[in-house]
Amino acid sequence: EYVLLEVANFLSRADDKSVFLELLLRLR
């Protein structure tokens, strides 16, 4: 979970949030 938290933090800019969401959806 901590790895995903770090990735979310890295992609926390408004332009990057959709990138994290797509990654999370693929992992799920």
PDB file of all heavy atoms in Angstrom:
ATOM      1  N   GLU A   1       0.832  -1.208   0.000  1.00  0.00           N
ATOM      2  CA  GLU A   1       0.000   0.000   0.000  1.00  0.00           C
ATOM      3  C   GLU A   1       0.863   1.254   0.000  1.00  0.00           C
ATOM      4  O   GLU A   1       0.526   2.252  -0.627  1.00  0.00           O
ATOM      5  CB  GLU A   1      -0.923   0.035   1.232  1.00  0.00           C
ATOM      6  CG  GLU A   1      -1.861  -1.123   1.340  1.00  0.00           C
ATOM      7  CD  GLU A   1      -1.264  -2.294   2.124  1.00  0.00           C
ATOM      8  OE1 GLU A   1      -0.190  -2.142   2.741  1.00  0.00           O
ATOM      9  OE2 GLU A   1      -1.874  -3.365   2.080  1.00  0.00           O
ATOM     10  N   TYR A   2       1.992   1.185   0.705  1.00  0.00           N
ATOM     11  CA  TYR A   2       2.873   2.344   0.803  1.00  0.00           C
ATOM     12  C   TYR A   2       3.481   2.705  -0.548  1.00  0.00           C
ATOM     13  O   TYR A   2       3.706   3.883  -0.830  1.00  0.00           O
ATOM     14  CB  TYR A   2       3.965   2.091   1.843  1.00  0.00           C
ATOM     15  CG  TYR A   2       3.381   1.799   3.203  1.00  0.00           C
ATOM     16  CD1 TYR A   2       3.418   0.528   3.732  1.00  0.00           C
ATOM     17  CD2 TYR A   2       2.746   2.810   3.928  1.00  0.00           C
ATOM     18  CE1 TYR A   2       2.851   0.252   4.965  1.00  0.00           C
ATOM     19  CE2 TYR A   2       2.176   2.540   5.162  1.00  0.00           C
ATOM     20  CZ  TYR A   2       2.235   1.268   5.674  1.00  0.00           C
ATOM     21  OH  TYR A   2       1.668   0.996   6.889  1.00  0.00           O
ATOM     22  N   VAL A   3       3.732   1.720  -1.358  1.00  0.00           N
ATOM     23  CA  VAL A   3       4.241   1.974  -2.708  1.00  0.00           C
ATOM     24  C   VAL A   3       3.191   2.754  -3.497  1.00  0.00           C
ATOM     25  O   VAL A   3       3.493   3.759  -4.141  1.00  0.00           O
ATOM     26  CB  VAL A   3       4.611   0.655  -3.422  1.00  0.00           C
ATOM     27  CG1 VAL A   3       4.867   0.878  -4.896  1.00  0.00           C
ATOM     28  CG2 VAL A   3       5.816   0.006  -2.748  1.00  0.00           C
ATOM     29  N   LEU A   4       1.937   2.305  -3.427  1.00  0.00           N
ATOM     30  CA  LEU A   4       0.870   3.000  -4.149  1.00  0.00           C
ATOM     31  C   LEU A   4       0.661   4.404  -3.600  1.00  0.00           C
ATOM     32  O   LEU A   4       0.365   5.334  -4.359  1.00  0.00           O
ATOM     33  CB  LEU A   4      -0.424   2.193  -4.093  1.00  0.00           C
ATOM     34  CG  LEU A   4      -0.343   0.827  -4.783  1.00  0.00           C
ATOM     35  CD1 LEU A   4      -1.646   0.078  -4.608  1.00  0.00           C
ATOM     36  CD2 LEU A   4       0.008   0.974  -6.240  1.00  0.00           C
ATOM     37  N   LEU A   5       0.831   4.578  -2.297  1.00  0.00           N
ATOM     38  CA  LEU A   5       0.731   5.916  -1.701  1.00  0.00           C
ATOM     39  C   LEU A   5       1.831   6.831  -2.242  1.00  0.00           C
ATOM     40  O   LEU A   5       1.570   7.995  -2.571  1.00  0.00           O
ATOM     41  CB  LEU A   5       0.818   5.811  -0.185  1.00  0.00           C
ATOM     42  CG  LEU A   5       0.693   7.103   0.597  1.00  0.00           C
ATOM     43  CD1 LEU A   5      -0.669   7.739   0.363  1.00  0.00           C
ATOM     44  CD2 LEU A   5       0.904   6.839   2.073  1.00  0.00           C
ATOM     45  N   GLU A   6       3.044   6.310  -2.364  1.00  0.00           N
ATOM     46  CA  GLU A   6       4.140   7.105  -2.924  1.00  0.00           C
ATOM     47  C   GLU A   6       3.881   7.461  -4.386  1.00  0.00           C
ATOM     48  O   GLU A   6       4.160   8.579  -4.817  1.00  0.00           O
ATOM     49  CB  GLU A   6       5.463   6.346  -2.814  1.00  0.00           C
ATOM     50  CG  GLU A   6       5.990   6.253  -1.413  1.00  0.00           C
ATOM     51  CD  GLU A   6       7.256   5.435  -1.304  1.00  0.00           C
ATOM     52  OE1 GLU A   6       7.397   4.426  -2.048  1.00  0.00           O
ATOM     53  OE2 GLU A   6       8.114   5.793  -0.488  1.00  0.00           O
ATOM     54  N   VAL A   7       3.352   6.516  -5.146  1.00  0.00           N
ATOM     55  CA  VAL A   7       3.036   6.785  -6.554  1.00  0.00           C
ATOM     56  C   VAL A   7       1.927   7.842  -6.639  1.00  0.00           C
ATOM     57  O   VAL A   7       2.003   8.765  -7.451  1.00  0.00           O
ATOM     58  CB  VAL A   7       2.635   5.494  -7.291  1.00  0.00           C
ATOM     59  CG1 VAL A   7       2.205   5.800  -8.723  1.00  0.00           C
ATOM     60  CG2 VAL A   7       3.788   4.503  -7.288  1.00  0.00           C
ATOM     61  N   ALA A   8       0.913   7.712  -5.793  1.00  0.00           N
ATOM     62  CA  ALA A   8      -0.165   8.705  -5.765  1.00  0.00           C
ATOM     63  C   ALA A   8       0.381  10.084  -5.429  1.00  0.00           C
ATOM     64  O   ALA A   8      -0.025  11.084  -6.027  1.00  0.00           O
ATOM     65  CB  ALA A   8      -1.237   8.294  -4.759  1.00  0.00           C
ATOM     66  N   ASN A   9       1.289  10.147  -4.494  1.00  0.00           N
ATOM     67  CA  ASN A   9       1.900  11.427  -4.129  1.00  0.00           C
ATOM     68  C   ASN A   9       2.674  12.005  -5.311  1.00  0.00           C
ATOM     69  O   ASN A   9       2.589  13.197  -5.607  1.00  0.00           O
ATOM     70  CB  ASN A   9       2.817  11.246  -2.923  1.00  0.00           C
ATOM     71  CG  ASN A   9       3.371  12.556  -2.442  1.00  0.00           C
ATOM     72  OD1 ASN A   9       2.635  13.508  -2.205  1.00  0.00           O
ATOM     73  ND2 ASN A   9       4.684  12.607  -2.269  1.00  0.00           N
ATOM     74  N   PHE A  10       3.433  11.156  -6.004  1.00  0.00           N
ATOM     75  CA  PHE A  10       4.202  11.607  -7.165  1.00  0.00           C
ATOM     76  C   PHE A  10       3.287  12.139  -8.270  1.00  0.00           C
ATOM     77  O   PHE A  10       3.619  13.089  -8.963  1.00  0.00           O
ATOM     78  CB  PHE A  10       5.060  10.460  -7.700  1.00  0.00           C
ATOM     79  CG  PHE A  10       5.895  10.829  -8.883  1.00  0.00           C
ATOM     80  CD1 PHE A  10       7.103  11.490  -8.714  1.00  0.00           C
ATOM     81  CD2 PHE A  10       5.476  10.529 -10.169  1.00  0.00           C
ATOM     82  CE1 PHE A  10       7.878  11.837  -9.803  1.00  0.00           C
ATOM     83  CE2 PHE A  10       6.251  10.878 -11.276  1.00  0.00           C
ATOM     84  CZ  PHE A  10       7.450  11.531 -11.087  1.00  0.00           C
ATOM     85  N   LEU A  11       2.122  11.521  -8.419  1.00  0.00           N
ATOM     86  CA  LEU A  11       1.173  11.896  -9.475  1.00  0.00           C
ATOM     87  C   LEU A  11       0.032  12.763  -8.940  1.00  0.00           C
ATOM     88  O   LEU A  11      -1.077  12.726  -9.450  1.00  0.00           O
ATOM     89  CB  LEU A  11       0.607  10.631 -10.133  1.00  0.00           C
ATOM     90  CG  LEU A  11       1.630   9.749 -10.838  1.00  0.00           C
ATOM     91  CD1 LEU A  11       1.009   8.426 -11.247  1.00  0.00           C
ATOM     92  CD2 LEU A  11       2.219  10.472 -12.041  1.00  0.00           C
ATOM     93  N   SER A  12       0.294  13.549  -7.909  1.00  0.00           N
ATOM     94  CA  SER A  12      -0.776  14.308  -7.260  1.00  0.00           C
ATOM     95  C   SER A  12      -1.110  15.643  -7.941  1.00  0.00           C
ATOM     96  O   SER A  12      -2.104  16.264  -7.580  1.00  0.00           O
ATOM     97  CB  SER A  12      -0.424  14.562  -5.793  1.00  0.00           C
ATOM     98  OG  SER A  12       0.736  15.363  -5.690  1.00  0.00           O
ATOM     99  N   ARG A  13      -0.311  16.053  -8.916  1.00  0.00           N
ATOM    100  CA  ARG A  13      -0.664  17.271  -9.651  1.00  0.00           C
ATOM    101  C   ARG A  13      -1.954  17.034 -10.417  1.00  0.00           C
ATOM    102  O   ARG A  13      -2.258  15.907 -10.833  1.00  0.00           O
ATOM    103  CB  ARG A  13       0.445  17.641 -10.634  1.00  0.00           C
ATOM    104  CG  ARG A  13       1.694  18.158  -9.972  1.00  0.00           C
ATOM    105  CD  ARG A  13       2.712  18.714 -10.959  1.00  0.00           C
ATOM    106  NE  ARG A  13       2.153  19.011 -12.270  1.00  0.00           N
ATOM    107  CZ  ARG A  13       2.732  18.688 -13.415  1.00  0.00           C
ATOM    108  NH1 ARG A  13       3.876  18.062 -13.422  1.00  0.00           N
ATOM    109  NH2 ARG A  13       2.164  18.995 -14.552  1.00  0.00           N
ATOM    110  N   ALA A  14      -2.712  18.077 -10.613  1.00  0.00           N
ATOM    111  CA  ALA A  14      -4.025  17.953 -11.270  1.00  0.00           C
ATOM    112  C   ALA A  14      -3.926  17.237 -12.618  1.00  0.00           C
ATOM    113  O   ALA A  14      -4.769  16.399 -12.939  1.00  0.00           O
ATOM    114  CB  ALA A  14      -4.651  19.335 -11.445  1.00  0.00           C
ATOM    115  N   ASP A  15      -2.900  17.554 -13.393  1.00  0.00           N
ATOM    116  CA  ASP A  15      -2.745  16.933 -14.721  1.00  0.00           C
ATOM    117  C   ASP A  15      -2.413  15.446 -14.647  1.00  0.00           C
ATOM    118  O   ASP A  15      -2.618  14.716 -15.621  1.00  0.00           O
ATOM    119  CB  ASP A  15      -1.641  17.639 -15.509  1.00  0.00           C
ATOM    120  CG  ASP A  15      -1.992  19.071 -15.851  1.00  0.00           C
ATOM    121  OD1 ASP A  15      -3.177  19.433 -15.760  1.00  0.00           O
ATOM    122  OD2 ASP A  15      -1.076  19.830 -16.209  1.00  0.00           O
ATOM    123  N   ASP A  16      -1.881  14.989 -13.515  1.00  0.00           N
ATOM    124  CA  ASP A  16      -1.425  13.610 -13.384  1.00  0.00           C
ATOM    125  C   ASP A  16      -2.400  12.699 -12.649  1.00  0.00           C
ATOM    126  O   ASP A  16      -2.207  11.485 -12.625  1.00  0.00           O
ATOM    127  CB  ASP A  16      -0.084  13.567 -12.643  1.00  0.00           C
ATOM    128  CG  ASP A  16       1.035  14.232 -13.418  1.00  0.00           C
ATOM    129  OD1 ASP A  16       0.965  14.241 -14.657  1.00  0.00           O
ATOM    130  OD2 ASP A  16       1.977  14.731 -12.780  1.00  0.00           O
ATOM    131  N   LYS A  17      -3.431  13.266 -12.052  1.00  0.00           N
ATOM    132  CA  LYS A  17      -4.355  12.440 -11.262  1.00  0.00           C
ATOM    133  C   LYS A  17      -5.040  11.372 -12.112  1.00  0.00           C
ATOM    134  O   LYS A  17      -5.252  10.252 -11.657  1.00  0.00           O
ATOM    135  CB  LYS A  17      -5.384  13.316 -10.560  1.00  0.00           C
ATOM    136  CG  LYS A  17      -4.768  14.078  -9.402  1.00  0.00           C
ATOM    137  CD  LYS A  17      -5.789  14.903  -8.665  1.00  0.00           C
ATOM    138  CE  LYS A  17      -5.089  15.658  -7.543  1.00  0.00           C
ATOM    139  NZ  LYS A  17      -6.006  16.439  -6.752  1.00  0.00           N
ATOM    140  N   SER A  18      -5.349  11.693 -13.339  1.00  0.00           N
ATOM    141  CA  SER A  18      -5.993  10.698 -14.203  1.00  0.00           C
ATOM    142  C   SER A  18      -5.036   9.548 -14.531  1.00  0.00           C
ATOM    143  O   SER A  18      -5.465   8.410 -14.722  1.00  0.00           O
ATOM    144  CB  SER A  18      -6.504  11.344 -15.492  1.00  0.00           C
ATOM    145  OG  SER A  18      -5.438  11.872 -16.241  1.00  0.00           O
ATOM    146  N   VAL A  19      -3.738   9.832 -14.571  1.00  0.00           N
ATOM    147  CA  VAL A  19      -2.742   8.789 -14.821  1.00  0.00           C
ATOM    148  C   VAL A  19      -2.742   7.804 -13.652  1.00  0.00           C
ATOM    149  O   VAL A  19      -2.737   6.582 -13.852  1.00  0.00           O
ATOM    150  CB  VAL A  19      -1.330   9.401 -15.019  1.00  0.00           C
ATOM    151  CG1 VAL A  19      -0.274   8.316 -15.132  1.00  0.00           C
ATOM    152  CG2 VAL A  19      -1.318  10.317 -16.226  1.00  0.00           C
ATOM    153  N   PHE A  20      -2.783   8.333 -12.430  1.00  0.00           N
ATOM    154  CA  PHE A  20      -2.821   7.446 -11.266  1.00  0.00           C
ATOM    155  C   PHE A  20      -4.118   6.651 -11.228  1.00  0.00           C
ATOM    156  O   PHE A  20      -4.112   5.452 -10.934  1.00  0.00           O
ATOM    157  CB  PHE A  20      -2.647   8.222  -9.959  1.00  0.00           C
ATOM    158  CG  PHE A  20      -2.701   7.315  -8.764  1.00  0.00           C
ATOM    159  CD1 PHE A  20      -1.644   6.464  -8.475  1.00  0.00           C
ATOM    160  CD2 PHE A  20      -3.816   7.283  -7.945  1.00  0.00           C
ATOM    161  CE1 PHE A  20      -1.706   5.598  -7.397  1.00  0.00           C
ATOM    162  CE2 PHE A  20      -3.891   6.427  -6.870  1.00  0.00           C
ATOM    163  CZ  PHE A  20      -2.820   5.580  -6.583  1.00  0.00           C
ATOM    164  N   LEU A  21      -5.220   7.301 -11.529  1.00  0.00           N
ATOM    165  CA  LEU A  21      -6.506   6.604 -11.530  1.00  0.00           C
ATOM    166  C   LEU A  21      -6.496   5.454 -12.535  1.00  0.00           C
ATOM    167  O   LEU A  21      -6.956   4.348 -12.221  1.00  0.00           O
ATOM    168  CB  LEU A  21      -7.643   7.572 -11.831  1.00  0.00           C
ATOM    169  CG  LEU A  21      -9.037   6.967 -11.864  1.00  0.00           C
ATOM    170  CD1 LEU A  21      -9.378   6.305 -10.543  1.00  0.00           C
ATOM    171  CD2 LEU A  21     -10.063   8.018 -12.220  1.00  0.00           C
ATOM    172  N   GLU A  22      -5.967   5.670 -13.715  1.00  0.00           N
ATOM    173  CA  GLU A  22      -5.882   4.619 -14.727  1.00  0.00           C
ATOM    174  C   GLU A  22      -5.007   3.466 -14.235  1.00  0.00           C
ATOM    175  O   GLU A  22      -5.351   2.289 -14.404  1.00  0.00           O
ATOM    176  CB  GLU A  22      -5.336   5.179 -16.040  1.00  0.00           C
ATOM    177  CG  GLU A  22      -5.165   4.151 -17.126  1.00  0.00           C
ATOM    178  CD  GLU A  22      -6.469   3.569 -17.632  1.00  0.00           C
ATOM    179  OE1 GLU A  22      -7.513   4.234 -17.521  1.00  0.00           O
ATOM    180  OE2 GLU A  22      -6.440   2.426 -18.138  1.00  0.00           O
ATOM    181  N   LEU A  23      -3.882   3.788 -13.622  1.00  0.00           N
ATOM    182  CA  LEU A  23      -3.002   2.759 -13.069  1.00  0.00           C
ATOM    183  C   LEU A  23      -3.737   1.951 -12.004  1.00  0.00           C
ATOM    184  O   LEU A  23      -3.703   0.723 -12.006  1.00  0.00           O
ATOM    185  CB  LEU A  23      -1.742   3.400 -12.483  1.00  0.00           C
ATOM    186  CG  LEU A  23      -0.799   2.468 -11.734  1.00  0.00           C
ATOM    187  CD1 LEU A  23      -0.201   1.419 -12.664  1.00  0.00           C
ATOM    188  CD2 LEU A  23       0.289   3.262 -11.038  1.00  0.00           C
ATOM    189  N   LEU A  24      -4.422   2.631 -11.109  1.00  0.00           N
ATOM    190  CA  LEU A  24      -5.147   1.955 -10.045  1.00  0.00           C
ATOM    191  C   LEU A  24      -6.259   1.060 -10.594  1.00  0.00           C
ATOM    192  O   LEU A  24      -6.431  -0.079 -10.142  1.00  0.00           O
ATOM    193  CB  LEU A  24      -5.726   2.993  -9.082  1.00  0.00           C
ATOM    194  CG  LEU A  24      -6.259   2.497  -7.762  1.00  0.00           C
ATOM    195  CD1 LEU A  24      -5.179   1.761  -6.979  1.00  0.00           C
ATOM    196  CD2 LEU A  24      -6.806   3.651  -6.958  1.00  0.00           C
ATOM    197  N   LEU A  25      -6.967   1.529 -11.589  1.00  0.00           N
ATOM    198  CA  LEU A  25      -8.018   0.723 -12.199  1.00  0.00           C
ATOM    199  C   LEU A  25      -7.444  -0.532 -12.854  1.00  0.00           C
ATOM    200  O   LEU A  25      -8.030  -1.620 -12.765  1.00  0.00           O
ATOM    201  CB  LEU A  25      -8.813   1.548 -13.213  1.00  0.00           C
ATOM    202  CG  LEU A  25      -9.698   2.650 -12.625  1.00  0.00           C
ATOM    203  CD1 LEU A  25     -10.268   3.516 -13.735  1.00  0.00           C
ATOM    204  CD2 LEU A  25     -10.791   2.074 -11.766  1.00  0.00           C
ATOM    205  N   ARG A  26      -6.305  -0.396 -13.507  1.00  0.00           N
ATOM    206  CA  ARG A  26      -5.667  -1.561 -14.137  1.00  0.00           C
ATOM    207  C   ARG A  26      -5.194  -2.571 -13.097  1.00  0.00           C
ATOM    208  O   ARG A  26      -5.304  -3.786 -13.292  1.00  0.00           O
ATOM    209  CB  ARG A  26      -4.507  -1.131 -15.019  1.00  0.00           C
ATOM    210  CG  ARG A  26      -4.952  -0.464 -16.291  1.00  0.00           C
ATOM    211  CD  ARG A  26      -3.748   0.049 -17.084  1.00  0.00           C
ATOM    212  NE  ARG A  26      -4.165   0.753 -18.249  1.00  0.00           N
ATOM    213  CZ  ARG A  26      -3.997   0.293 -19.481  1.00  0.00           C
ATOM    214  NH1 ARG A  26      -3.392  -0.854 -19.694  1.00  0.00           N
ATOM    215  NH2 ARG A  26      -4.407   0.999 -20.521  1.00  0.00           N
ATOM    216  N   LEU A  27      -4.656  -2.066 -11.989  1.00  0.00           N
ATOM    217  CA  LEU A  27      -4.208  -2.966 -10.925  1.00  0.00           C
ATOM    218  C   LEU A  27      -5.400  -3.694 -10.307  1.00  0.00           C
ATOM    219  O   LEU A  27      -5.327  -4.904 -10.047  1.00  0.00           O
ATOM    220  CB  LEU A  27      -3.448  -2.190  -9.853  1.00  0.00           C
ATOM    221  CG  LEU A  27      -2.099  -1.632 -10.275  1.00  0.00           C
ATOM    222  CD1 LEU A  27      -1.538  -0.735  -9.181  1.00  0.00           C
ATOM    223  CD2 LEU A  27      -1.136  -2.752 -10.617  1.00  0.00           C
ATOM    224  N   ARG A  28      -6.465  -3.006 -10.073  1.00  0.00           N
ATOM    225  CA  ARG A  28      -7.668  -3.632  -9.513  1.00  0.00           C
ATOM    226  C   ARG A  28      -8.247  -4.669 -10.477  1.00  0.00           C
ATOM    227  O   ARG A  28      -8.712  -5.720 -10.052  1.00  0.00           O
ATOM    228  CB  ARG A  28      -8.732  -2.579  -9.194  1.00  0.00           C
ATOM    229  CG  ARG A  28      -8.410  -1.786  -7.963  1.00  0.00           C
ATOM    230  CD  ARG A  28      -9.500  -0.808  -7.653  1.00  0.00           C
ATOM    231  NE  ARG A  28      -9.222  -0.113  -6.417  1.00  0.00           N
ATOM    232  CZ  ARG A  28      -9.844   0.970  -6.030  1.00  0.00           C
ATOM    233  NH1 ARG A  28     -10.813   1.490  -6.789  1.00  0.00           N
ATOM    234  NH2 ARG A  28      -9.550   1.546  -4.895  1.00  0.00           N
TER     235      ARG A  28
END
